[in-house]
Amino acid sequence: MSDDQTLFASIIEEHLALKRKNSNLEQDMPLEEFIPADPFDNHALFKTEDSARIEEEETGEHPAVRLDWETNTTADATEETGWSDTQASGEFDWET
């Protein structure tokens, strides 16, 4: 066994020993009130599409509407410039 595995095994053993030691305290001092609710219990990713739509109708919350990307229809179709286009003289012009 490597050092990492030995260290990991000893940490697990420590944890289990502490858990056994504290198991008697659970009756007198329960931890349930301190354990937060599962955040994924009612998460939209784990619902069917139908149940998500029903919930949207009940709560009035609707996801953001996706808008189509606007295309520039006024651009001249014959003017195609690329990143490597330079002037005929071979010099680069930052203005174009």
PDB file of N, CA and C in Angstrom:
ATOM      1  N   MET A   1       0.839  -1.175   0.000  1.00  0.00           N
ATOM      2  CA  MET A   1       0.000   0.000   0.000  1.00  0.00           C
ATOM      3  C   MET A   1       0.887   1.244   0.000  1.00  0.00           C
ATOM      4  N   SER A   2       0.509   2.241  -0.798  1.00  0.00           N
ATOM      5  CA  SER A   2       1.316   3.461  -0.856  1.00  0.00           C
ATOM      6  C   SER A   2       0.983   4.356   0.335  1.00  0.00           C
ATOM      7  N   ASP A   3       1.777   5.409   0.480  1.00  0.00           N
ATOM      8  CA  ASP A   3       1.554   6.347   1.582  1.00  0.00           C
ATOM      9  C   ASP A   3       0.203   7.037   1.462  1.00  0.00           C
ATOM     10  N   ASP A   4      -0.192   7.373   0.222  1.00  0.00           N
ATOM     11  CA  ASP A   4      -1.481   8.035   0.009  1.00  0.00           C
ATOM     12  C   ASP A   4      -2.634   7.135   0.426  1.00  0.00           C
ATOM     13  N   GLN A   5      -2.550   5.856   0.059  1.00  0.00           N
ATOM     14  CA  GLN A   5      -3.608   4.920   0.425  1.00  0.00           C
ATOM     15  C   GLN A   5      -3.638   4.708   1.935  1.00  0.00           C
ATOM     16  N   THR A   6      -2.478   4.650   2.559  1.00  0.00           N
ATOM     17  CA  THR A   6      -2.406   4.483   4.007  1.00  0.00           C
ATOM     18  C   THR A   6      -2.986   5.699   4.710  1.00  0.00           C
ATOM     19  N   LEU A   7      -2.648   6.882   4.241  1.00  0.00           N
ATOM     20  CA  LEU A   7      -3.172   8.116   4.817  1.00  0.00           C
ATOM     21  C   LEU A   7      -4.681   8.179   4.642  1.00  0.00           C
ATOM     22  N   PHE A   8      -5.151   7.852   3.450  1.00  0.00           N
ATOM     23  CA  PHE A   8      -6.586   7.867   3.185  1.00  0.00           C
ATOM     24  C   PHE A   8      -7.310   6.866   4.082  1.00  0.00           C
ATOM     25  N   ALA A   9      -6.763   5.664   4.214  1.00  0.00           N
ATOM     26  CA  ALA A   9      -7.382   4.633   5.050  1.00  0.00           C
ATOM     27  C   ALA A   9      -7.425   5.068   6.510  1.00  0.00           C
ATOM     28  N   SER A  10      -6.369   5.713   6.984  1.00  0.00           N
ATOM     29  CA  SER A  10      -6.357   6.165   8.381  1.00  0.00           C
ATOM     30  C   SER A  10      -7.368   7.287   8.606  1.00  0.00           C
ATOM     31  N   ILE A  11      -7.540   8.155   7.627  1.00  0.00           N
ATOM     32  CA  ILE A  11      -8.533   9.229   7.747  1.00  0.00           C
ATOM     33  C   ILE A  11      -9.937   8.642   7.781  1.00  0.00           C
ATOM     34  N   ILE A  12     -10.200   7.658   6.947  1.00  0.00           N
ATOM     35  CA  ILE A  12     -11.507   7.000   6.941  1.00  0.00           C
ATOM     36  C   ILE A  12     -11.757   6.312   8.279  1.00  0.00           C
ATOM     37  N   GLU A  13     -10.749   5.623   8.796  1.00  0.00           N
ATOM     38  CA  GLU A  13     -10.894   4.949  10.097  1.00  0.00           C
ATOM     39  C   GLU A  13     -11.175   5.958  11.203  1.00  0.00           C
ATOM     40  N   GLU A  14     -10.474   7.099  11.182  1.00  0.00           N
ATOM     41  CA  GLU A  14     -10.724   8.163  12.164  1.00  0.00           C
ATOM     42  C   GLU A  14     -12.158   8.646  12.083  1.00  0.00           C
ATOM     43  N   HIS A  15     -12.620   8.873  10.870  1.00  0.00           N
ATOM     44  CA  HIS A  15     -13.983   9.359  10.664  1.00  0.00           C
ATOM     45  C   HIS A  15     -15.001   8.355  11.198  1.00  0.00           C
ATOM     46  N   LEU A  16     -14.815   7.078  10.883  1.00  0.00           N
ATOM     47  CA  LEU A  16     -15.754   6.053  11.341  1.00  0.00           C
ATOM     48  C   LEU A  16     -15.737   5.910  12.861  1.00  0.00           C
ATOM     49  N   ALA A  17     -14.559   6.015  13.471  1.00  0.00           N
ATOM     50  CA  ALA A  17     -14.464   5.943  14.932  1.00  0.00           C
ATOM     51  C   ALA A  17     -15.188   7.121  15.574  1.00  0.00           C
ATOM     52  N   LEU A  18     -15.008   8.307  15.019  1.00  0.00           N
ATOM     53  CA  LEU A  18     -15.688   9.488  15.543  1.00  0.00           C
ATOM     54  C   LEU A  18     -17.198   9.373  15.362  1.00  0.00           C
ATOM     55  N   LYS A  19     -17.614   8.825  14.242  1.00  0.00           N
ATOM     56  CA  LYS A  19     -19.041   8.636  13.988  1.00  0.00           C
ATOM     57  C   LYS A  19     -19.642   7.655  15.001  1.00  0.00           C
ATOM     58  N   ARG A  20     -18.927   6.561  15.299  1.00  0.00           N
ATOM     59  CA  ARG A  20     -19.402   5.598  16.309  1.00  0.00           C
ATOM     60  C   ARG A  20     -19.461   6.256  17.686  1.00  0.00           C
ATOM     61  N   LYS A  21     -18.456   7.048  18.010  1.00  0.00           N
ATOM     62  CA  LYS A  21     -18.400   7.717  19.310  1.00  0.00           C
ATOM     63  C   LYS A  21     -19.557   8.701  19.472  1.00  0.00           C
ATOM     64  N   ASN A  22     -19.883   9.420  18.403  1.00  0.00           N
ATOM     65  CA  ASN A  22     -20.927  10.439  18.478  1.00  0.00           C
ATOM     66  C   ASN A  22     -22.331   9.899  18.237  1.00  0.00           C
ATOM     67  N   SER A  23     -22.456   8.627  17.884  1.00  0.00           N
ATOM     68  CA  SER A  23     -23.786   8.080  17.587  1.00  0.00           C
ATOM     69  C   SER A  23     -24.706   8.129  18.801  1.00  0.00           C
ATOM     70  N   ASN A  24     -24.147   8.039  20.007  1.00  0.00           N
ATOM     71  CA  ASN A  24     -24.971   8.119  21.218  1.00  0.00           C
ATOM     72  C   ASN A  24     -25.523   9.522  21.432  1.00  0.00           C
ATOM     73  N   LEU A  25     -24.854  10.525  20.915  1.00  0.00           N
ATOM     74  CA  LEU A  25     -25.296  11.909  21.091  1.00  0.00           C
ATOM     75  C   LEU A  25     -26.473  12.272  20.190  1.00  0.00           C
ATOM     76  N   GLU A  26     -26.699  11.506  19.149  1.00  0.00           N
ATOM     77  CA  GLU A  26     -27.740  11.828  18.169  1.00  0.00           C
ATOM     78  C   GLU A  26     -29.121  11.901  18.819  1.00  0.00           C
ATOM     79  N   GLN A  27     -29.390  11.047  19.797  1.00  0.00           N
ATOM     80  CA  GLN A  27     -30.700  11.057  20.454  1.00  0.00           C
ATOM     81  C   GLN A  27     -30.904  12.335  21.253  1.00  0.00           C
ATOM     82  N   ASP A  28     -29.872  12.790  21.948  1.00  0.00           N
ATOM     83  CA  ASP A  28     -29.988  13.985  22.787  1.00  0.00           C
ATOM     84  C   ASP A  28     -29.853  15.276  21.984  1.00  0.00           C
ATOM     85  N   MET A  29     -29.017  15.259  20.976  1.00  0.00           N
ATOM     86  CA  MET A  29     -28.765  16.461  20.176  1.00  0.00           C
ATOM     87  C   MET A  29     -28.826  16.116  18.689  1.00  0.00           C
ATOM     88  N   PRO A  30     -30.032  16.008  18.135  1.00  0.00           N
ATOM     89  CA  PRO A  30     -30.153  15.615  16.722  1.00  0.00           C
ATOM     90  C   PRO A  30     -29.613  16.700  15.787  1.00  0.00           C
ATOM     91  N   LEU A  31     -29.036  16.244  14.695  1.00  0.00           N
ATOM     92  CA  LEU A  31     -28.437  17.163  13.723  1.00  0.00           C
ATOM     93  C   LEU A  31     -29.375  17.507  12.567  1.00  0.00           C
ATOM     94  N   GLU A  32     -30.536  16.881  12.502  1.00  0.00           N
ATOM     95  CA  GLU A  32     -31.426  17.069  11.351  1.00  0.00           C
ATOM     96  C   GLU A  32     -31.763  18.524  11.080  1.00  0.00           C
ATOM     97  N   GLU A  33     -31.948  19.311  12.126  1.00  0.00           N
ATOM     98  CA  GLU A  33     -32.322  20.712  11.907  1.00  0.00           C
ATOM     99  C   GLU A  33     -31.183  21.532  11.303  1.00  0.00           C
ATOM    100  N   PHE A  34     -29.967  21.024  11.388  1.00  0.00           N
ATOM    101  CA  PHE A  34     -28.817  21.746  10.850  1.00  0.00           C
ATOM    102  C   PHE A  34     -28.427  21.292   9.451  1.00  0.00           C
ATOM    103  N   ILE A  35     -29.010  20.204   8.992  1.00  0.00           N
ATOM    104  CA  ILE A  35     -28.699  19.692   7.661  1.00  0.00           C
ATOM    105  C   ILE A  35     -29.609  20.398   6.661  1.00  0.00           C
ATOM    106  N   PRO A  36     -29.038  21.119   5.706  1.00  0.00           N
ATOM    107  CA  PRO A  36     -29.877  21.861   4.752  1.00  0.00           C
ATOM    108  C   PRO A  36     -30.634  20.912   3.819  1.00  0.00           C
ATOM    109  N   ALA A  37     -31.719  21.434   3.269  1.00  0.00           N
ATOM    110  CA  ALA A  37     -32.512  20.656   2.318  1.00  0.00           C
ATOM    111  C   ALA A  37     -31.700  20.411   1.050  1.00  0.00           C
ATOM    112  N   ASP A  38     -32.039  19.364   0.363  1.00  0.00           N
ATOM    113  CA  ASP A  38     -31.340  19.014  -0.874  1.00  0.00           C
ATOM    114  C   ASP A  38     -31.654  20.065  -1.938  1.00  0.00           C
ATOM    115  N   PRO A  39     -30.656  20.803  -2.429  1.00  0.00           N
ATOM    116  CA  PRO A  39     -30.928  21.854  -3.416  1.00  0.00           C
ATOM    117  C   PRO A  39     -31.372  21.296  -4.762  1.00  0.00           C
ATOM    118  N   PHE A  40     -31.136  20.009  -5.006  1.00  0.00           N
ATOM    119  CA  PHE A  40     -31.505  19.414  -6.282  1.00  0.00           C
ATOM    120  C   PHE A  40     -32.854  18.718  -6.229  1.00  0.00           C
ATOM    121  N   ASP A  41     -33.502  18.753  -5.078  1.00  0.00           N
ATOM    122  CA  ASP A  41     -34.769  18.052  -4.912  1.00  0.00           C
ATOM    123  C   ASP A  41     -35.833  18.581  -5.868  1.00  0.00           C
ATOM    124  N   ASN A  42     -35.912  19.892  -6.015  1.00  0.00           N
ATOM    125  CA  ASN A  42     -36.938  20.494  -6.862  1.00  0.00           C
ATOM    126  C   ASN A  42     -36.301  21.300  -7.992  1.00  0.00           C
ATOM    127  N   HIS A  43     -35.130  20.912  -8.425  1.00  0.00           N
ATOM    128  CA  HIS A  43     -34.404  21.660  -9.449  1.00  0.00           C
ATOM    129  C   HIS A  43     -34.994  21.382 -10.826  1.00  0.00           C
ATOM    130  N   ALA A  44     -35.058  22.415 -11.645  1.00  0.00           N
ATOM    131  CA  ALA A  44     -35.678  22.303 -12.970  1.00  0.00           C
ATOM    132  C   ALA A  44     -34.979  21.286 -13.870  1.00  0.00           C
ATOM    133  N   LEU A  45     -33.701  21.069 -13.675  1.00  0.00           N
ATOM    134  CA  LEU A  45     -32.982  20.117 -14.519  1.00  0.00           C
ATOM    135  C   LEU A  45     -33.425  18.680 -14.291  1.00  0.00           C
ATOM    136  N   PHE A  46     -34.039  18.423 -13.144  1.00  0.00           N
ATOM    137  CA  PHE A  46     -34.417  17.056 -12.808  1.00  0.00           C
ATOM    138  C   PHE A  46     -35.919  16.832 -12.935  1.00  0.00           C
ATOM    139  N   LYS A  47     -36.602  17.687 -13.656  1.00  0.00           N
ATOM    140  CA  LYS A  47     -38.041  17.553 -13.868  1.00  0.00           C
ATOM    141  C   LYS A  47     -38.305  17.169 -15.313  1.00  0.00           C
ATOM    142  N   THR A  48     -39.477  16.599 -15.518  1.00  0.00           N
ATOM    143  CA  THR A  48     -39.883  16.360 -16.894  1.00  0.00           C
ATOM    144  C   THR A  48     -40.325  17.689 -17.479  1.00  0.00           C
ATOM    145  N   GLU A  49     -40.347  17.773 -18.773  1.00  0.00           N
ATOM    146  CA  GLU A  49     -40.756  19.019 -19.420  1.00  0.00           C
ATOM    147  C   GLU A  49     -42.189  19.374 -19.052  1.00  0.00           C
ATOM    148  N   ASP A  50     -43.054  18.361 -18.985  1.00  0.00           N
ATOM    149  CA  ASP A  50     -44.454  18.618 -18.638  1.00  0.00           C
ATOM    150  C   ASP A  50     -44.592  19.174 -17.227  1.00  0.00           C
ATOM    151  N   SER A  51     -43.889  18.580 -16.262  1.00  0.00           N
ATOM    152  CA  SER A  51     -44.012  19.068 -14.887  1.00  0.00           C
ATOM    153  C   SER A  51     -43.408  20.465 -14.747  1.00  0.00           C
ATOM    154  N   ALA A  52     -42.362  20.759 -15.499  1.00  0.00           N
ATOM    155  CA  ALA A  52     -41.779  22.101 -15.459  1.00  0.00           C
ATOM    156  C   ALA A  52     -42.748  23.123 -16.036  1.00  0.00           C
ATOM    157  N   ARG A  53     -43.448  22.766 -17.107  1.00  0.00           N
ATOM    158  CA  ARG A  53     -44.426  23.693 -17.689  1.00  0.00           C
ATOM    159  C   ARG A  53     -45.603  23.917 -16.750  1.00  0.00           C
ATOM    160  N   ILE A  54     -46.058  22.856 -16.101  1.00  0.00           N
ATOM    161  CA  ILE A  54     -47.168  22.998 -15.152  1.00  0.00           C
ATOM    162  C   ILE A  54     -46.758  23.916 -14.010  1.00  0.00           C
ATOM    163  N   GLU A  55     -45.550  23.742 -13.496  1.00  0.00           N
ATOM    164  CA  GLU A  55     -45.073  24.603 -12.416  1.00  0.00           C
ATOM    165  C   GLU A  55     -44.950  26.053 -12.879  1.00  0.00           C
ATOM    166  N   GLU A  56     -44.496  26.272 -14.111  1.00  0.00           N
ATOM    167  CA  GLU A  56     -44.409  27.633 -14.642  1.00  0.00           C
ATOM    168  C   GLU A  56     -45.784  28.277 -14.687  1.00  0.00           C
ATOM    169  N   GLU A  57     -46.794  27.507 -15.092  1.00  0.00           N
ATOM    170  CA  GLU A  57     -48.146  28.050 -15.162  1.00  0.00           C
ATOM    171  C   GLU A  57     -48.682  28.364 -13.774  1.00  0.00           C
ATOM    172  N   GLU A  58     -48.374  27.509 -12.796  1.00  0.00           N
ATOM    173  CA  GLU A  58     -48.866  27.720 -11.436  1.00  0.00           C
ATOM    174  C   GLU A  58     -48.192  28.906 -10.765  1.00  0.00           C
ATOM    175  N   THR A  59     -46.894  29.042 -10.934  1.00  0.00           N
ATOM    176  CA  THR A  59     -46.158  30.100 -10.246  1.00  0.00           C
ATOM    177  C   THR A  59     -46.118  31.402 -11.030  1.00  0.00           C
ATOM    178  N   GLY A  60     -46.349  31.330 -12.322  1.00  0.00           N
ATOM    179  CA  GLY A  60     -46.264  32.526 -13.147  1.00  0.00           C
ATOM    180  C   GLY A  60     -44.843  32.868 -13.547  1.00  0.00           C
ATOM    181  N   GLU A  61     -43.887  32.039 -13.160  1.00  0.00           N
ATOM    182  CA  GLU A  61     -42.491  32.275 -13.534  1.00  0.00           C
ATOM    183  C   GLU A  61     -42.217  31.601 -14.861  1.00  0.00           C
ATOM    184  N   HIS A  62     -41.719  32.372 -15.783  1.00  0.00           N
ATOM    185  CA  HIS A  62     -41.399  31.825 -17.098  1.00  0.00           C
ATOM    186  C   HIS A  62     -39.933  32.101 -17.392  1.00  0.00           C
ATOM    187  N   PRO A  63     -39.266  31.176 -18.037  1.00  0.00           N
ATOM    188  CA  PRO A  63     -37.857  31.410 -18.357  1.00  0.00           C
ATOM    189  C   PRO A  63     -37.706  32.550 -19.355  1.00  0.00           C
ATOM    190  N   ALA A  64     -36.521  33.079 -19.415  1.00  0.00           N
ATOM    191  CA  ALA A  64     -36.252  34.162 -20.357  1.00  0.00           C
ATOM    192  C   ALA A  64     -36.528  33.690 -21.780  1.00  0.00           C
ATOM    193  N   VAL A  65     -37.109  34.578 -22.556  1.00  0.00           N
ATOM    194  CA  VAL A  65     -37.438  34.237 -23.936  1.00  0.00           C
ATOM    195  C   VAL A  65     -36.178  34.351 -24.778  1.00  0.00           C
ATOM    196  N   ARG A  66     -35.930  33.349 -25.571  1.00  0.00           N
ATOM    197  CA  ARG A  66     -34.754  33.360 -26.439  1.00  0.00           C
ATOM    198  C   ARG A  66     -35.081  34.162 -27.688  1.00  0.00           C
ATOM    199  N   LEU A  67     -34.270  35.150 -27.954  1.00  0.00           N
ATOM    200  CA  LEU A  67     -34.453  35.968 -29.142  1.00  0.00           C
ATOM    201  C   LEU A  67     -33.487  35.508 -30.213  1.00  0.00           C
ATOM    202  N   ASP A  68     -33.953  35.514 -31.443  1.00  0.00           N
ATOM    203  CA  ASP A  68     -33.082  35.138 -32.546  1.00  0.00           C
ATOM    204  C   ASP A  68     -32.047  36.229 -32.768  1.00  0.00           C
ATOM    205  N   TRP A  69     -30.879  35.824 -33.187  1.00  0.00           N
ATOM    206  CA  TRP A  69     -29.796  36.757 -33.452  1.00  0.00           C
ATOM    207  C   TRP A  69     -30.135  37.566 -34.690  1.00  0.00           C
ATOM    208  N   GLU A  70     -30.032  38.887 -34.564  1.00  0.00           N
ATOM    209  CA  GLU A  70     -30.349  39.737 -35.705  1.00  0.00           C
ATOM    210  C   GLU A  70     -29.215  39.683 -36.711  1.00  0.00           C
ATOM    211  N   THR A  71     -29.581  39.541 -37.958  1.00  0.00           N
ATOM    212  CA  THR A  71     -28.574  39.545 -39.012  1.00  0.00           C
ATOM    213  C   THR A  71     -28.613  40.891 -39.708  1.00  0.00           C
ATOM    214  N   ASN A  72     -27.479  41.314 -40.195  1.00  0.00           N
ATOM    215  CA  ASN A  72     -27.382  42.590 -40.877  1.00  0.00           C
ATOM    216  C   ASN A  72     -27.785  42.371 -42.334  1.00  0.00           C
ATOM    217  N   THR A  73     -28.992  42.801 -42.676  1.00  0.00           N
ATOM    218  CA  THR A  73     -29.487  42.596 -44.036  1.00  0.00           C
ATOM    219  C   THR A  73     -29.077  43.726 -44.965  1.00  0.00           C
ATOM    220  N   THR A  74     -28.519  44.807 -44.412  1.00  0.00           N
ATOM    221  CA  THR A  74     -28.145  45.948 -45.251  1.00  0.00           C
ATOM    222  C   THR A  74     -26.720  45.834 -45.783  1.00  0.00           C
ATOM    223  N   ALA A  75     -25.962  44.879 -45.321  1.00  0.00           N
ATOM    224  CA  ALA A  75     -24.577  44.743 -45.776  1.00  0.00           C
ATOM    225  C   ALA A  75     -24.550  44.307 -47.237  1.00  0.00           C
ATOM    226  N   ASP A  76     -23.576  44.829 -47.938  1.00  0.00           N
ATOM    227  CA  ASP A  76     -23.412  44.474 -49.342  1.00  0.00           C
ATOM    228  C   ASP A  76     -22.881  43.049 -49.432  1.00  0.00           C
ATOM    229  N   ALA A  77     -23.598  42.194 -50.125  1.00  0.00           N
ATOM    230  CA  ALA A  77     -23.237  40.781 -50.203  1.00  0.00           C
ATOM    231  C   ALA A  77     -21.954  40.558 -50.993  1.00  0.00           C
ATOM    232  N   THR A  78     -21.593  41.496 -51.864  1.00  0.00           N
ATOM    233  CA  THR A  78     -20.394  41.303 -52.679  1.00  0.00           C
ATOM    234  C   THR A  78     -19.128  41.698 -51.934  1.00  0.00           C
ATOM    235  N   GLU A  79     -19.252  42.469 -50.867  1.00  0.00           N
ATOM    236  CA  GLU A  79     -18.080  42.931 -50.131  1.00  0.00           C
ATOM    237  C   GLU A  79     -17.711  41.890 -49.074  1.00  0.00           C
ATOM    238  N   GLU A  80     -16.762  41.053 -49.394  1.00  0.00           N
ATOM    239  CA  GLU A  80     -16.297  40.045 -48.450  1.00  0.00           C
ATOM    240  C   GLU A  80     -14.866  40.374 -48.077  1.00  0.00           C
ATOM    241  N   THR A  81     -14.671  40.724 -46.827  1.00  0.00           N
ATOM    242  CA  THR A  81     -13.323  41.007 -46.354  1.00  0.00           C
ATOM    243  C   THR A  81     -12.969  39.972 -45.304  1.00  0.00           C
ATOM    244  N   GLY A  82     -11.769  39.524 -45.358  1.00  0.00           N
ATOM    245  CA  GLY A  82     -11.302  38.538 -44.393  1.00  0.00           C
ATOM    246  C   GLY A  82     -10.247  39.137 -43.495  1.00  0.00           C
ATOM    247  N   TRP A  83      -9.813  38.382 -42.527  1.00  0.00           N
ATOM    248  CA  TRP A  83      -8.831  38.894 -41.586  1.00  0.00           C
ATOM    249  C   TRP A  83      -7.473  39.112 -42.247  1.00  0.00           C
ATOM    250  N   SER A  84      -7.230  38.457 -43.351  1.00  0.00           N
ATOM    251  CA  SER A  84      -5.917  38.594 -43.983  1.00  0.00           C
ATOM    252  C   SER A  84      -5.923  39.545 -45.179  1.00  0.00           C
ATOM    253  N   ASP A  85      -7.062  40.194 -45.426  1.00  0.00           N
ATOM    254  CA  ASP A  85      -7.113  41.115 -46.567  1.00  0.00           C
ATOM    255  C   ASP A  85      -6.217  42.321 -46.308  1.00  0.00           C
ATOM    256  N   THR A  86      -5.383  42.647 -47.279  1.00  0.00           N
ATOM    257  CA  THR A  86      -4.530  43.831 -47.203  1.00  0.00           C
ATOM    258  C   THR A  86      -4.691  44.613 -48.495  1.00  0.00           C
ATOM    259  N   GLN A  87      -4.085  45.778 -48.525  1.00  0.00           N
ATOM    260  CA  GLN A  87      -4.167  46.582 -49.735  1.00  0.00           C
ATOM    261  C   GLN A  87      -3.305  45.959 -50.824  1.00  0.00           C
ATOM    262  N   ALA A  88      -3.574  46.383 -52.029  1.00  0.00           N
ATOM    263  CA  ALA A  88      -2.847  45.833 -53.178  1.00  0.00           C
ATOM    264  C   ALA A  88      -1.351  46.098 -53.078  1.00  0.00           C
ATOM    265  N   SER A  89      -0.964  47.187 -52.400  1.00  0.00           N
ATOM    266  CA  SER A  89       0.456  47.509 -52.313  1.00  0.00           C
ATOM    267  C   SER A  89       1.195  46.579 -51.355  1.00  0.00           C
ATOM    268  N   GLY A  90       0.465  45.793 -50.598  1.00  0.00           N
ATOM    269  CA  GLY A  90       1.109  44.875 -49.679  1.00  0.00           C
ATOM    270  C   GLY A  90       1.286  45.446 -48.286  1.00  0.00           C
ATOM    271  N   GLU A  91       0.930  46.718 -48.087  1.00  0.00           N
ATOM    272  CA  GLU A  91       1.038  47.318 -46.766  1.00  0.00           C
ATOM    273  C   GLU A  91      -0.290  47.183 -46.037  1.00  0.00           C
ATOM    274  N   PHE A  92      -0.206  46.973 -44.753  1.00  0.00           N
ATOM    275  CA  PHE A  92      -1.418  46.841 -43.948  1.00  0.00           C
ATOM    276  C   PHE A  92      -1.925  48.223 -43.577  1.00  0.00           C
ATOM    277  N   ASP A  93      -3.228  48.423 -43.648  1.00  0.00           N
ATOM    278  CA  ASP A  93      -3.839  49.700 -43.310  1.00  0.00           C
ATOM    279  C   ASP A  93      -4.830  49.471 -42.174  1.00  0.00           C
ATOM    280  N   TRP A  94      -4.582  50.083 -41.040  1.00  0.00           N
ATOM    281  CA  TRP A  94      -5.451  49.918 -39.875  1.00  0.00           C
ATOM    282  C   TRP A  94      -6.804  50.585 -40.073  1.00  0.00           C
ATOM    283  N   GLU A  95      -6.942  51.468 -40.993  1.00  0.00           N
ATOM    284  CA  GLU A  95      -8.177  52.215 -41.207  1.00  0.00           C
ATOM    285  C   GLU A  95      -9.244  51.400 -41.914  1.00  0.00           C
ATOM    286  N   THR A  96      -8.878  50.346 -42.606  1.00  0.00           N
ATOM    287  CA  THR A  96      -9.896  49.571 -43.326  1.00  0.00           C
ATOM    288  C   THR A  96     -10.246  48.315 -42.609  1.00  0.00           C
TER     289      THR A  96
END
